[in-house]
Amino acid sequence: MESRNVETYRAAHQAFNRRDFDASVGTMAEDMTYQDHARNITSQGRTGFKEVLQGWVTAFSSAEVFEPRYIDAGEVVIAEFIARGVNDGPFGPLPATNKQVNTPFCEIMRFNDEGQIVAGAVYYDQLSMMVQLGHVQAPQSAAAGV
């Protein structure tokens, strides 16, 4: 049986996949903070986090949280998933490439006693994502003699 926090977190991801941003941020405390460590971005509050979600969908209209696994640690829940989608819109200053990305993400959410998300952070390999999108070349492997 899943804990209430895992159920809440899973529901937020499912709401994102349906593009129901209001339902996704409805699981969060009004003053929550969220850090995207790969891009060095911190959002504040439900409105700020909703803008983050909408930004991903602007860049990847088919973006989805794919094959999530949740690790329950009480007031903290960790999710490992594949973020996938086709880059059919601008990604920050970068133009759309119409290429598919499949990038492993590790996202951590902290909950209050009322079961609301009060803080979150996401970690992923932005270089691998940029290689998949064709914006940068893959670094040469040390095994290849470089």
N, C-alpha and C. Protein backbone atom coordinates (compact mmCIF):
# COMPACT_ATOMS: atom_id res chain seq x y z
N MET A 1 0.85 -1.19 0.00
CA MET A 1 0.00 0.00 0.00
C MET A 1 0.89 1.25 0.00
N GLU A 2 0.61 2.16 -0.91
CA GLU A 2 1.39 3.39 -1.01
C GLU A 2 1.01 4.36 0.09
N SER A 3 1.98 5.14 0.52
CA SER A 3 1.70 6.19 1.49
C SER A 3 0.92 7.32 0.82
N ARG A 4 0.35 8.16 1.63
CA ARG A 4 -0.40 9.32 1.12
C ARG A 4 0.52 10.21 0.29
N ASN A 5 1.78 10.37 0.73
CA ASN A 5 2.70 11.25 0.00
C ASN A 5 3.04 10.68 -1.37
N VAL A 6 3.25 9.36 -1.46
CA VAL A 6 3.51 8.75 -2.77
C VAL A 6 2.28 8.89 -3.67
N GLU A 7 1.10 8.67 -3.13
CA GLU A 7 -0.13 8.82 -3.91
C GLU A 7 -0.26 10.25 -4.44
N THR A 8 0.04 11.23 -3.59
CA THR A 8 -0.05 12.64 -4.00
C THR A 8 0.94 12.94 -5.11
N TYR A 9 2.16 12.45 -4.95
CA TYR A 9 3.22 12.68 -5.93
C TYR A 9 2.87 12.03 -7.26
N ARG A 10 2.42 10.77 -7.21
CA ARG A 10 2.01 10.06 -8.42
C ARG A 10 0.89 10.83 -9.13
N ALA A 11 -0.07 11.32 -8.35
CA ALA A 11 -1.20 12.07 -8.93
C ALA A 11 -0.70 13.35 -9.61
N ALA A 12 0.31 14.01 -9.03
CA ALA A 12 0.86 15.22 -9.65
C ALA A 12 1.51 14.89 -10.99
N HIS A 13 2.25 13.79 -11.04
CA HIS A 13 2.87 13.37 -12.32
C HIS A 13 1.80 13.00 -13.34
N GLN A 14 0.78 12.28 -12.92
CA GLN A 14 -0.29 11.90 -13.84
C GLN A 14 -1.02 13.13 -14.35
N ALA A 15 -1.22 14.12 -13.48
CA ALA A 15 -1.87 15.37 -13.91
C ALA A 15 -1.00 16.08 -14.95
N PHE A 16 0.33 16.09 -14.74
CA PHE A 16 1.22 16.69 -15.74
C PHE A 16 1.06 15.98 -17.08
N ASN A 17 1.06 14.66 -17.05
CA ASN A 17 0.94 13.90 -18.30
C ASN A 17 -0.38 14.19 -19.02
N ARG A 18 -1.42 14.57 -18.29
CA ARG A 18 -2.72 14.93 -18.88
C ARG A 18 -2.79 16.42 -19.23
N ARG A 19 -1.74 17.16 -18.88
CA ARG A 19 -1.68 18.62 -19.06
C ARG A 19 -2.67 19.35 -18.15
N ASP A 20 -2.97 18.77 -17.02
CA ASP A 20 -3.83 19.40 -16.02
C ASP A 20 -2.91 20.05 -14.98
N PHE A 21 -2.35 21.20 -15.37
CA PHE A 21 -1.37 21.88 -14.52
C PHE A 21 -1.96 22.33 -13.20
N ASP A 22 -3.24 22.74 -13.20
CA ASP A 22 -3.87 23.17 -11.95
C ASP A 22 -3.94 22.01 -10.96
N ALA A 23 -4.26 20.83 -11.44
CA ALA A 23 -4.30 19.66 -10.54
C ALA A 23 -2.90 19.32 -10.05
N SER A 24 -1.92 19.45 -10.92
CA SER A 24 -0.55 19.14 -10.54
C SER A 24 -0.06 20.07 -9.44
N VAL A 25 -0.25 21.37 -9.59
CA VAL A 25 0.22 22.30 -8.56
C VAL A 25 -0.73 22.36 -7.37
N GLY A 26 -1.94 21.84 -7.52
CA GLY A 26 -2.88 21.80 -6.41
C GLY A 26 -2.41 20.89 -5.28
N THR A 27 -1.44 20.03 -5.55
CA THR A 27 -0.88 19.14 -4.53
C THR A 27 0.20 19.84 -3.71
N MET A 28 0.46 21.11 -4.03
CA MET A 28 1.60 21.82 -3.44
C MET A 28 1.14 22.93 -2.51
N ALA A 29 1.99 23.20 -1.50
CA ALA A 29 1.75 24.35 -0.64
C ALA A 29 1.93 25.62 -1.46
N GLU A 30 1.21 26.64 -1.10
CA GLU A 30 1.24 27.90 -1.87
C GLU A 30 2.65 28.48 -1.97
N ASP A 31 3.47 28.29 -0.94
CA ASP A 31 4.79 28.90 -0.91
C ASP A 31 5.92 27.90 -1.21
N MET A 32 5.61 26.84 -1.91
CA MET A 32 6.64 25.82 -2.20
C MET A 32 7.76 26.40 -3.04
N THR A 33 8.95 25.77 -2.95
CA THR A 33 10.08 26.14 -3.79
C THR A 33 10.53 24.90 -4.56
N TYR A 34 11.06 25.12 -5.75
CA TYR A 34 11.48 24.00 -6.61
C TYR A 34 12.77 24.40 -7.31
N GLN A 35 13.76 23.51 -7.25
CA GLN A 35 15.05 23.78 -7.88
C GLN A 35 15.30 22.80 -9.02
N ASP A 36 15.58 23.34 -10.19
CA ASP A 36 16.04 22.56 -11.34
C ASP A 36 17.56 22.75 -11.34
N HIS A 37 18.27 21.77 -10.79
CA HIS A 37 19.71 21.91 -10.62
C HIS A 37 20.47 21.93 -11.94
N ALA A 38 20.01 21.21 -12.94
CA ALA A 38 20.71 21.17 -14.22
C ALA A 38 20.72 22.54 -14.90
N ARG A 39 19.62 23.26 -14.77
CA ARG A 39 19.52 24.58 -15.41
C ARG A 39 19.73 25.73 -14.44
N ASN A 40 19.99 25.40 -13.16
CA ASN A 40 20.21 26.42 -12.13
C ASN A 40 19.03 27.40 -12.05
N ILE A 41 17.82 26.83 -12.00
CA ILE A 41 16.59 27.62 -11.92
C ILE A 41 15.86 27.25 -10.64
N THR A 42 15.40 28.27 -9.92
CA THR A 42 14.56 28.05 -8.74
C THR A 42 13.23 28.75 -8.97
N SER A 43 12.15 28.01 -8.78
CA SER A 43 10.83 28.62 -8.90
C SER A 43 10.22 28.73 -7.51
N GLN A 44 9.35 29.71 -7.36
CA GLN A 44 8.70 29.98 -6.08
C GLN A 44 7.19 29.87 -6.23
N GLY A 45 6.57 29.14 -5.34
CA GLY A 45 5.12 29.06 -5.28
C GLY A 45 4.50 28.22 -6.38
N ARG A 46 3.21 28.03 -6.25
CA ARG A 46 2.46 27.25 -7.24
C ARG A 46 2.56 27.87 -8.62
N THR A 47 2.43 29.20 -8.67
CA THR A 47 2.48 29.89 -9.97
C THR A 47 3.82 29.69 -10.64
N GLY A 48 4.89 29.81 -9.88
CA GLY A 48 6.23 29.62 -10.43
C GLY A 48 6.45 28.21 -10.93
N PHE A 49 5.96 27.22 -10.16
CA PHE A 49 6.14 25.84 -10.58
C PHE A 49 5.28 25.53 -11.81
N LYS A 50 4.09 26.11 -11.86
CA LYS A 50 3.23 25.92 -13.03
C LYS A 50 3.92 26.46 -14.28
N GLU A 51 4.63 27.57 -14.16
CA GLU A 51 5.38 28.13 -15.28
C GLU A 51 6.50 27.18 -15.72
N VAL A 52 7.14 26.51 -14.77
CA VAL A 52 8.17 25.52 -15.11
C VAL A 52 7.54 24.39 -15.92
N LEU A 53 6.41 23.87 -15.46
CA LEU A 53 5.74 22.78 -16.18
C LEU A 53 5.34 23.22 -17.58
N GLN A 54 4.77 24.40 -17.68
CA GLN A 54 4.34 24.91 -18.99
C GLN A 54 5.54 25.14 -19.90
N GLY A 55 6.68 25.53 -19.35
CA GLY A 55 7.89 25.71 -20.14
C GLY A 55 8.36 24.41 -20.76
N TRP A 56 8.29 23.32 -19.98
CA TRP A 56 8.67 22.01 -20.53
C TRP A 56 7.74 21.63 -21.68
N VAL A 57 6.45 21.90 -21.52
CA VAL A 57 5.49 21.52 -22.55
C VAL A 57 5.60 22.42 -23.78
N THR A 58 6.01 23.67 -23.59
CA THR A 58 6.28 24.54 -24.73
C THR A 58 7.41 23.97 -25.58
N ALA A 59 8.44 23.47 -24.91
CA ALA A 59 9.60 22.91 -25.62
C ALA A 59 9.34 21.50 -26.13
N PHE A 60 8.53 20.74 -25.40
CA PHE A 60 8.27 19.32 -25.71
C PHE A 60 6.77 19.08 -25.53
N SER A 61 5.99 19.34 -26.57
CA SER A 61 4.53 19.25 -26.40
C SER A 61 4.08 17.84 -26.02
N SER A 62 4.90 16.83 -26.34
CA SER A 62 4.55 15.46 -25.98
C SER A 62 5.26 15.01 -24.69
N ALA A 63 5.82 15.95 -23.94
CA ALA A 63 6.58 15.62 -22.72
C ALA A 63 5.74 14.76 -21.79
N GLU A 64 6.41 13.76 -21.22
CA GLU A 64 5.73 12.93 -20.24
C GLU A 64 6.71 12.37 -19.23
N VAL A 65 6.17 12.13 -18.05
CA VAL A 65 6.87 11.39 -17.01
C VAL A 65 6.59 9.93 -17.34
N PHE A 66 7.66 9.19 -17.71
CA PHE A 66 7.52 7.83 -18.21
C PHE A 66 8.17 6.86 -17.24
N GLU A 67 7.47 5.79 -16.95
CA GLU A 67 7.94 4.71 -16.08
C GLU A 67 8.49 5.21 -14.74
N PRO A 68 7.68 5.99 -14.01
CA PRO A 68 8.18 6.48 -12.72
C PRO A 68 8.25 5.36 -11.67
N ARG A 69 9.25 5.48 -10.82
CA ARG A 69 9.38 4.64 -9.63
C ARG A 69 9.49 5.58 -8.44
N TYR A 70 8.74 5.30 -7.40
CA TYR A 70 8.71 6.17 -6.24
C TYR A 70 9.34 5.46 -5.04
N ILE A 71 10.17 6.20 -4.32
CA ILE A 71 10.81 5.69 -3.12
C ILE A 71 10.31 6.53 -1.96
N ASP A 72 9.61 5.88 -1.04
CA ASP A 72 8.98 6.55 0.09
C ASP A 72 9.96 6.66 1.25
N ALA A 73 10.25 7.87 1.65
CA ALA A 73 11.13 8.09 2.80
C ALA A 73 10.43 9.00 3.81
N GLY A 74 9.14 8.76 4.02
CA GLY A 74 8.38 9.54 5.00
C GLY A 74 7.99 10.90 4.45
N GLU A 75 8.59 11.96 5.01
CA GLU A 75 8.25 13.31 4.55
C GLU A 75 8.91 13.65 3.23
N VAL A 76 9.77 12.76 2.74
CA VAL A 76 10.43 12.93 1.45
C VAL A 76 10.08 11.75 0.56
N VAL A 77 9.78 12.04 -0.70
CA VAL A 77 9.55 10.98 -1.69
C VAL A 77 10.46 11.28 -2.88
N ILE A 78 11.14 10.25 -3.34
CA ILE A 78 12.05 10.35 -4.47
C ILE A 78 11.42 9.65 -5.66
N ALA A 79 11.47 10.27 -6.81
CA ALA A 79 10.97 9.64 -8.03
C ALA A 79 12.11 9.56 -9.04
N GLU A 80 12.25 8.38 -9.63
CA GLU A 80 13.15 8.18 -10.75
C GLU A 80 12.24 7.90 -11.94
N PHE A 81 12.48 8.60 -13.05
CA PHE A 81 11.64 8.40 -14.23
C PHE A 81 12.40 8.82 -15.47
N ILE A 82 11.84 8.49 -16.60
CA ILE A 82 12.37 8.96 -17.88
C ILE A 82 11.51 10.14 -18.31
N ALA A 83 12.16 11.25 -18.57
CA ALA A 83 11.46 12.39 -19.17
C ALA A 83 11.64 12.23 -20.67
N ARG A 84 10.52 12.11 -21.35
CA ARG A 84 10.62 11.91 -22.79
C ARG A 84 9.64 12.80 -23.52
N GLY A 85 10.00 13.09 -24.76
CA GLY A 85 9.15 13.91 -25.61
C GLY A 85 9.94 14.39 -26.81
N VAL A 86 9.23 14.94 -27.76
CA VAL A 86 9.83 15.48 -28.98
C VAL A 86 9.98 16.99 -28.81
N ASN A 87 11.16 17.50 -29.10
CA ASN A 87 11.46 18.92 -28.98
C ASN A 87 10.88 19.66 -30.19
N ASP A 88 9.64 20.10 -30.04
CA ASP A 88 8.94 20.77 -31.14
C ASP A 88 8.67 22.25 -30.87
N GLY A 89 9.35 22.78 -29.86
CA GLY A 89 9.24 24.20 -29.54
C GLY A 89 10.55 24.69 -28.96
N PRO A 90 10.71 26.00 -28.80
CA PRO A 90 11.98 26.51 -28.27
C PRO A 90 12.22 26.02 -26.85
N PHE A 91 13.46 25.67 -26.57
CA PHE A 91 13.88 25.22 -25.25
C PHE A 91 14.81 26.30 -24.71
N GLY A 92 14.23 27.25 -23.99
CA GLY A 92 14.99 28.44 -23.60
C GLY A 92 15.39 29.17 -24.86
N PRO A 93 16.68 29.48 -25.00
CA PRO A 93 17.13 30.20 -26.19
C PRO A 93 17.37 29.29 -27.40
N LEU A 94 17.22 27.98 -27.22
CA LEU A 94 17.55 27.02 -28.28
C LEU A 94 16.33 26.73 -29.16
N PRO A 95 16.53 26.65 -30.45
CA PRO A 95 15.41 26.36 -31.36
C PRO A 95 14.99 24.89 -31.27
N ALA A 96 13.77 24.64 -31.70
CA ALA A 96 13.27 23.27 -31.75
C ALA A 96 14.10 22.45 -32.74
N THR A 97 14.29 21.17 -32.41
CA THR A 97 15.05 20.28 -33.29
C THR A 97 14.18 19.15 -33.85
N ASN A 98 12.99 19.00 -33.31
CA ASN A 98 12.08 17.91 -33.68
C ASN A 98 12.71 16.54 -33.41
N LYS A 99 13.61 16.48 -32.44
CA LYS A 99 14.24 15.22 -32.03
C LYS A 99 13.65 14.74 -30.72
N GLN A 100 13.63 13.45 -30.55
CA GLN A 100 13.13 12.80 -29.34
C GLN A 100 14.20 12.82 -28.26
N VAL A 101 13.78 13.08 -27.01
CA VAL A 101 14.67 12.92 -25.87
C VAL A 101 14.10 11.86 -24.94
N ASN A 102 15.00 11.13 -24.33
CA ASN A 102 14.69 10.15 -23.29
C ASN A 102 15.78 10.32 -22.25
N THR A 103 15.49 11.08 -21.22
CA THR A 103 16.50 11.44 -20.24
C THR A 103 16.08 10.99 -18.85
N PRO A 104 16.93 10.24 -18.15
CA PRO A 104 16.62 9.86 -16.77
C PRO A 104 16.59 11.10 -15.86
N PHE A 105 15.58 11.18 -15.05
CA PHE A 105 15.44 12.26 -14.06
C PHE A 105 15.37 11.65 -12.67
N CYS A 106 15.87 12.38 -11.70
CA CYS A 106 15.68 12.06 -10.29
C CYS A 106 15.09 13.31 -9.65
N GLU A 107 13.88 13.17 -9.15
CA GLU A 107 13.17 14.31 -8.57
C GLU A 107 12.85 13.97 -7.12
N ILE A 108 13.03 14.94 -6.25
CA ILE A 108 12.84 14.73 -4.82
C ILE A 108 11.83 15.77 -4.33
N MET A 109 10.79 15.29 -3.65
CA MET A 109 9.77 16.20 -3.12
C MET A 109 9.67 16.01 -1.60
N ARG A 110 9.56 17.14 -0.92
CA ARG A 110 9.40 17.15 0.54
C ARG A 110 7.96 17.57 0.87
N PHE A 111 7.36 16.88 1.82
CA PHE A 111 5.95 17.08 2.17
C PHE A 111 5.82 17.65 3.59
N ASN A 112 4.75 18.41 3.82
CA ASN A 112 4.43 18.85 5.17
C ASN A 112 3.47 17.85 5.82
N ASP A 113 3.07 18.13 7.05
CA ASP A 113 2.18 17.21 7.78
C ASP A 113 0.79 17.12 7.17
N GLU A 114 0.42 18.10 6.35
CA GLU A 114 -0.89 18.08 5.68
C GLU A 114 -0.85 17.32 4.37
N GLY A 115 0.32 16.80 3.99
CA GLY A 115 0.44 16.04 2.76
C GLY A 115 0.64 16.90 1.52
N GLN A 116 1.04 18.15 1.71
CA GLN A 116 1.31 19.04 0.58
C GLN A 116 2.81 19.05 0.29
N ILE A 117 3.16 19.20 -0.97
CA ILE A 117 4.56 19.35 -1.36
C ILE A 117 4.99 20.76 -0.99
N VAL A 118 6.08 20.86 -0.21
CA VAL A 118 6.57 22.17 0.22
C VAL A 118 7.90 22.54 -0.44
N ALA A 119 8.61 21.54 -0.95
CA ALA A 119 9.88 21.81 -1.63
C ALA A 119 10.19 20.67 -2.57
N GLY A 120 10.88 21.00 -3.65
CA GLY A 120 11.26 19.97 -4.61
C GLY A 120 12.56 20.32 -5.29
N ALA A 121 13.17 19.29 -5.84
CA ALA A 121 14.41 19.47 -6.59
C ALA A 121 14.47 18.39 -7.66
N VAL A 122 15.08 18.73 -8.79
CA VAL A 122 15.24 17.76 -9.87
C VAL A 122 16.69 17.77 -10.33
N TYR A 123 17.17 16.55 -10.62
CA TYR A 123 18.53 16.35 -11.10
C TYR A 123 18.46 15.52 -12.38
N TYR A 124 19.20 15.94 -13.40
CA TYR A 124 19.28 15.18 -14.65
C TYR A 124 20.52 15.63 -15.39
N ASP A 125 20.91 14.84 -16.37
CA ASP A 125 22.12 15.09 -17.14
C ASP A 125 21.75 15.97 -18.34
N GLN A 126 21.96 17.26 -18.17
CA GLN A 126 21.60 18.19 -19.24
C GLN A 126 22.48 18.00 -20.47
N LEU A 127 23.73 17.60 -20.29
CA LEU A 127 24.61 17.37 -21.44
C LEU A 127 24.04 16.26 -22.32
N SER A 128 23.62 15.15 -21.71
CA SER A 128 23.03 14.07 -22.50
C SER A 128 21.80 14.53 -23.25
N MET A 129 21.00 15.38 -22.60
CA MET A 129 19.81 15.91 -23.26
C MET A 129 20.20 16.77 -24.47
N MET A 130 21.20 17.62 -24.30
CA MET A 130 21.65 18.49 -25.40
C MET A 130 22.24 17.66 -26.55
N VAL A 131 22.92 16.56 -26.23
CA VAL A 131 23.44 15.66 -27.27
C VAL A 131 22.28 15.03 -28.03
N GLN A 132 21.27 14.53 -27.29
CA GLN A 132 20.11 13.92 -27.94
C GLN A 132 19.40 14.92 -28.85
N LEU A 133 19.37 16.18 -28.45
CA LEU A 133 18.70 17.20 -29.25
C LEU A 133 19.55 17.67 -30.42
N GLY A 134 20.83 17.32 -30.43
CA GLY A 134 21.71 17.73 -31.52
C GLY A 134 22.32 19.10 -31.33
N HIS A 135 22.20 19.68 -30.14
CA HIS A 135 22.77 21.01 -29.90
C HIS A 135 24.27 20.95 -29.61
N VAL A 136 24.77 19.81 -29.13
CA VAL A 136 26.19 19.64 -28.85
C VAL A 136 26.61 18.25 -29.27
N GLN A 137 27.90 18.07 -29.51
CA GLN A 137 28.43 16.75 -29.85
C GLN A 137 28.76 16.01 -28.58
N ALA A 138 28.60 14.71 -28.61
CA ALA A 138 28.94 13.88 -27.45
C ALA A 138 30.43 13.98 -27.18
N PRO A 139 30.80 14.13 -25.92
CA PRO A 139 32.23 14.12 -25.60
C PRO A 139 32.84 12.77 -25.97
N GLN A 140 34.09 12.80 -26.35
CA GLN A 140 34.80 11.56 -26.67
C GLN A 140 35.05 10.78 -25.40
N SER A 141 34.91 9.50 -25.47
CA SER A 141 35.13 8.62 -24.33
C SER A 141 36.62 8.53 -24.02
N ALA A 142 36.94 8.43 -22.74
CA ALA A 142 38.33 8.23 -22.32
C ALA A 142 38.85 6.90 -22.86
N ALA A 143 37.94 5.95 -23.03
CA ALA A 143 38.32 4.64 -23.56
C ALA A 143 38.74 4.74 -25.03
N ALA A 144 38.31 5.81 -25.70
CA ALA A 144 38.66 5.99 -27.12
C ALA A 144 40.02 6.66 -27.28
N GLY A 145 40.73 6.87 -26.16
CA GLY A 145 42.07 7.42 -26.23
C GLY A 145 42.14 8.93 -26.16
N VAL A 146 41.08 9.57 -25.79
CA VAL A 146 41.07 11.04 -25.69
C VAL A 146 41.30 11.44 -24.27
